[in-house]
C-alpha atoms as a PDB file:
ATOM      1  CA  MET A   1      13.590   8.331 -17.551  1.00  0.00           C
ATOM      2  CA  SER A   2      10.613   6.584 -17.689  1.00  0.00           C
ATOM      3  CA  GLU A   3      10.334   2.995 -18.057  1.00  0.00           C
ATOM      4  CA  ARG A   4       9.181   3.149 -21.327  1.00  0.00           C
ATOM      5  CA  LEU A   5      11.443   5.562 -22.506  1.00  0.00           C
ATOM      6  CA  ARG A   6      14.189   3.461 -20.928  1.00  0.00           C
ATOM      7  CA  ILE A   7      12.997   0.104 -22.835  1.00  0.00           C
ATOM      8  CA  GLY A   8      12.662   1.579 -25.936  1.00  0.00           C
ATOM      9  CA  ALA A   9      16.318   2.955 -25.843  1.00  0.00           C
ATOM     10  CA  ASP A  10      17.922  -0.337 -25.555  1.00  0.00           C
ATOM     11  CA  PHE A  11      15.772  -1.998 -27.831  1.00  0.00           C
ATOM     12  CA  PHE A  12      16.899   1.066 -30.103  1.00  0.00           C
ATOM     13  CA  ASP A  13      20.427   0.805 -29.332  1.00  0.00           C
ATOM     14  CA  ASP A  14      19.930  -3.318 -29.853  1.00  0.00           C
ATOM     15  CA  LEU A  15      17.458  -3.195 -33.263  1.00  0.00           C
ATOM     16  CA  ALA A  16      20.098   0.039 -34.657  1.00  0.00           C
ATOM     17  CA  THR A  17      23.097  -2.514 -35.114  1.00  0.00           C
ATOM     18  CA  VAL A  18      22.152  -2.840 -38.102  1.00  0.00           C
ATOM     19  CA  ALA A  19      22.432   0.162 -39.933  1.00  0.00           C
ATOM     20  CA  ALA A  20      19.239  -0.565 -42.484  1.00  0.00           C
ATOM     21  CA  VAL A  21      17.120  -1.616 -39.568  1.00  0.00           C
ATOM     22  CA  LYS A  22      18.632   2.194 -37.295  1.00  0.00           C
ATOM     23  CA  ALA A  23      17.706   4.101 -40.547  1.00  0.00           C
ATOM     24  CA  ALA A  24      13.989   3.003 -41.184  1.00  0.00           C
ATOM     25  CA  LEU A  25      13.308   3.196 -37.830  1.00  0.00           C
ATOM     26  CA  ILE A  26      14.698   6.849 -37.645  1.00  0.00           C
ATOM     27  CA  GLU A  27      13.026   7.641 -40.939  1.00  0.00           C
ATOM     28  CA  ASP A  28       9.478   6.378 -39.400  1.00  0.00           C
ATOM     29  CA  ARG A  29       9.460   8.513 -36.162  1.00  0.00           C
ATOM     30  CA  ARG A  30       7.551  10.648 -38.240  1.00  0.00           C
ATOM     31  CA  LEU A  31       4.958   7.545 -38.073  1.00  0.00           C
ATOM     32  CA  THR A  32       1.813   7.883 -35.795  1.00  0.00           C
ATOM     33  CA  GLU A  33       2.514   5.530 -32.776  1.00  0.00           C
ATOM     34  CA  ALA A  34       0.287   2.762 -33.970  1.00  0.00           C
ATOM     35  CA  ASP A  35       1.687   2.892 -37.491  1.00  0.00           C
ATOM     36  CA  PHE A  36       4.925   2.584 -36.273  1.00  0.00           C
ATOM     37  CA  ALA A  37       4.240  -0.114 -33.795  1.00  0.00           C
ATOM     38  CA  HIS A  38       2.236  -1.929 -36.559  1.00  0.00           C
ATOM     39  CA  ARG A  39       5.420  -1.676 -39.268  1.00  0.00           C
ATOM     40  CA  HIS A  40       8.134  -2.642 -36.744  1.00  0.00           C
ATOM     41  CA  ALA A  41       6.870  -4.993 -35.042  1.00  0.00           C
ATOM     42  CA  THR A  42       7.218  -7.620 -38.054  1.00  0.00           C
ATOM     43  CA  THR A  43      11.051  -5.861 -37.709  1.00  0.00           C
ATOM     44  CA  ILE A  44      11.680  -6.515 -33.761  1.00  0.00           C
ATOM     45  CA  ARG A  45      10.160 -10.178 -34.376  1.00  0.00           C
ATOM     46  CA  ARG A  46      12.231 -11.016 -37.126  1.00  0.00           C
ATOM     47  CA  HIS A  47      15.487  -9.458 -35.252  1.00  0.00           C
ATOM     48  CA  TYR A  48      15.025 -11.670 -32.310  1.00  0.00           C
ATOM     49  CA  ALA A  49      14.587 -14.566 -34.061  1.00  0.00           C
ATOM     50  CA  THR A  50      17.490 -14.611 -36.505  1.00  0.00           C
ATOM     51  CA  VAL A  51      19.653 -12.950 -33.741  1.00  0.00           C
ATOM     52  CA  ALA A  52      18.847 -14.576 -30.600  1.00  0.00           C
ATOM     53  CA  HIS A  53      16.548 -17.628 -31.686  1.00  0.00           C
ATOM     54  CA  LEU A  54      13.535 -15.585 -29.669  1.00  0.00           C
ATOM     55  CA  GLU A  55      10.346 -15.614 -30.785  1.00  0.00           C
ATOM     56  CA  PHE A  56       8.106 -12.617 -29.758  1.00  0.00           C
ATOM     57  CA  LEU A  57       3.486 -12.072 -29.094  1.00  0.00           C
ATOM     58  CA  GLU A  58       2.879  -9.510 -32.013  1.00  0.00           C
ATOM     59  CA  GLU A  59       1.519  -8.206 -28.849  1.00  0.00           C
ATOM     60  CA  ASP A  60       4.466  -7.662 -27.363  1.00  0.00           C
ATOM     61  CA  ALA A  61       6.697  -7.066 -30.137  1.00  0.00           C
ATOM     62  CA  GLN A  62       4.160  -3.930 -30.823  1.00  0.00           C
ATOM     63  CA  PHE A  63       5.017  -2.683 -27.172  1.00  0.00           C
ATOM     64  CA  PHE A  64       8.017  -2.270 -27.860  1.00  0.00           C
ATOM     65  CA  ALA A  65       8.203  -1.116 -31.092  1.00  0.00           C
ATOM     66  CA  SER A  66       5.924   1.685 -29.521  1.00  0.00           C
ATOM     67  CA  CYS A  67       8.135   1.953 -27.371  1.00  0.00           C
ATOM     68  CA  ILE A  68      11.212   2.777 -29.166  1.00  0.00           C
ATOM     69  CA  TRP A  69       8.922   5.621 -31.314  1.00  0.00           C
ATOM     70  CA  HIS A  70       8.560   7.060 -27.788  1.00  0.00           C
ATOM     71  CA  TYR A  71      11.891   6.700 -27.040  1.00  0.00           C
ATOM     72  CA  LEU A  72      12.811   8.312 -31.041  1.00  0.00           C
ATOM     73  CA  ASN A  73       9.852  10.962 -30.407  1.00  0.00           C
ATOM     74  CA  THR A  74      11.791  12.292 -26.712  1.00  0.00           C
ATOM     75  CA  LEU A  75      15.050  12.032 -28.743  1.00  0.00           C
ATOM     76  CA  ASP A  76      13.878  14.213 -31.542  1.00  0.00           C
ATOM     77  CA  MET A  77      12.071  16.804 -29.413  1.00  0.00           C
ATOM     78  CA  SER A  78      15.256  17.718 -27.251  1.00  0.00           C
ATOM     79  CA  ASN A  79      17.633  17.808 -30.079  1.00  0.00           C
ATOM     80  CA  VAL A  80      15.513  20.480 -32.225  1.00  0.00           C
ATOM     81  CA  ARG A  81      16.067  23.714 -31.687  1.00  0.00           C
ATOM     82  CA  GLU A  82      14.652  25.952 -33.161  1.00  0.00           C
ATOM     83  CA  SER A  83      16.380  28.986 -34.840  1.00  0.00           C
ATOM     84  CA  TYR A  84      15.941  32.346 -33.039  1.00  0.00           C
ATOM     85  CA  GLN A  85      13.457  34.916 -35.095  1.00  0.00           C
ATOM     86  CA  PRO A  86      13.128  38.214 -33.329  1.00  0.00           C
ATOM     87  CA  PRO A  87       9.994  39.788 -33.128  1.00  0.00           C
ATOM     88  CA  VAL A  88       8.485  41.637 -36.183  1.00  0.00           C
ATOM     89  CA  ALA A  89       8.593  45.130 -35.013  1.00  0.00           C
ATOM     90  CA  SER A  90       5.594  46.882 -35.074  1.00  0.00           C
ATOM     91  CA  HIS A  91       7.109  49.844 -36.278  1.00  0.00           C
ATOM     92  CA  PRO A  92      10.240  48.642 -38.100  1.00  0.00           C
ATOM     93  CA  GLN A  93      12.158  52.936 -38.559  1.00  0.00           C
ATOM     94  CA  GLU A  94      11.950  52.931 -34.559  1.00  0.00           C
ATOM     95  CA  SER A  95      13.572  49.370 -34.430  1.00  0.00           C
ATOM     96  CA  ALA A  96      16.595  49.962 -36.981  1.00  0.00           C
ATOM     97  CA  GLN A  97      17.329  53.085 -34.483  1.00  0.00           C
ATOM     98  CA  CYS A  98      17.302  51.812 -31.073  1.00  0.00           C
ATOM     99  CA  TRP A  99      19.697  49.033 -32.767  1.00  0.00           C
ATOM    100  CA  LYS A 100      21.742  51.881 -34.153  1.00  0.00           C
ATOM    101  CA  ARG A 101      22.018  53.299 -30.294  1.00  0.00           C
ATOM    102  CA  ILE A 102      22.905  49.720 -28.937  1.00  0.00           C
ATOM    103  CA  ALA A 103      25.540  49.513 -31.349  1.00  0.00           C
ATOM    104  CA  GLY A 104      26.900  52.940 -30.739  1.00  0.00           C
ATOM    105  CA  GLY A 105      26.693  52.536 -26.821  1.00  0.00           C
ATOM    106  CA  TRP A 106      23.936  51.565 -25.155  1.00  0.00           C
ATOM    107  CA  LYS A 107      22.399  54.066 -21.716  1.00  0.00           C
ATOM    108  CA  PRO A 108      19.883  52.431 -19.660  1.00  0.00           C
ATOM    109  CA  GLU A 109      19.012  55.894 -17.841  1.00  0.00           C
ATOM    110  CA  ALA A 110      18.544  57.391 -21.331  1.00  0.00           C
ATOM    111  CA  THR A 111      16.351  53.802 -22.217  1.00  0.00           C
ATOM    112  CA  TYR A 112      14.398  53.534 -18.976  1.00  0.00           C
ATOM    113  CA  HIS A 113      13.542  57.271 -19.378  1.00  0.00           C
ATOM    114  CA  ALA A 114      12.286  57.620 -22.795  1.00  0.00           C
ATOM    115  CA  LEU A 115       9.723  54.634 -21.692  1.00  0.00           C
ATOM    116  CA  THR A 116       8.671  56.101 -19.294  1.00  0.00           C
ATOM    117  CA  ALA A 117       8.636  59.793 -21.287  1.00  0.00           C
END
């Protein structure tokens, strides 16, 4: 995991202890990186000022928000599983016959001869 993703994961885990903040971060992951960083720099500054009495510079908070954005979008991509869509047969009748043959017992040698004939 790259350093940026690790930082994003750590900050997200910490901020996600507040349900409303977690929901906002997840919802806003679809924003551009710049918009997300701008919006959630305030979230980060407010959270850490309240919880740990830490003050972040705006630029630092934007960097950490950007790390969170990268982390969330990496998670989003790794969890997305596209449903399988078989290719559209150019000859539907032949496709249906093929599936009937498969259901009736597939014989590889017959398929090979049919394809090479």
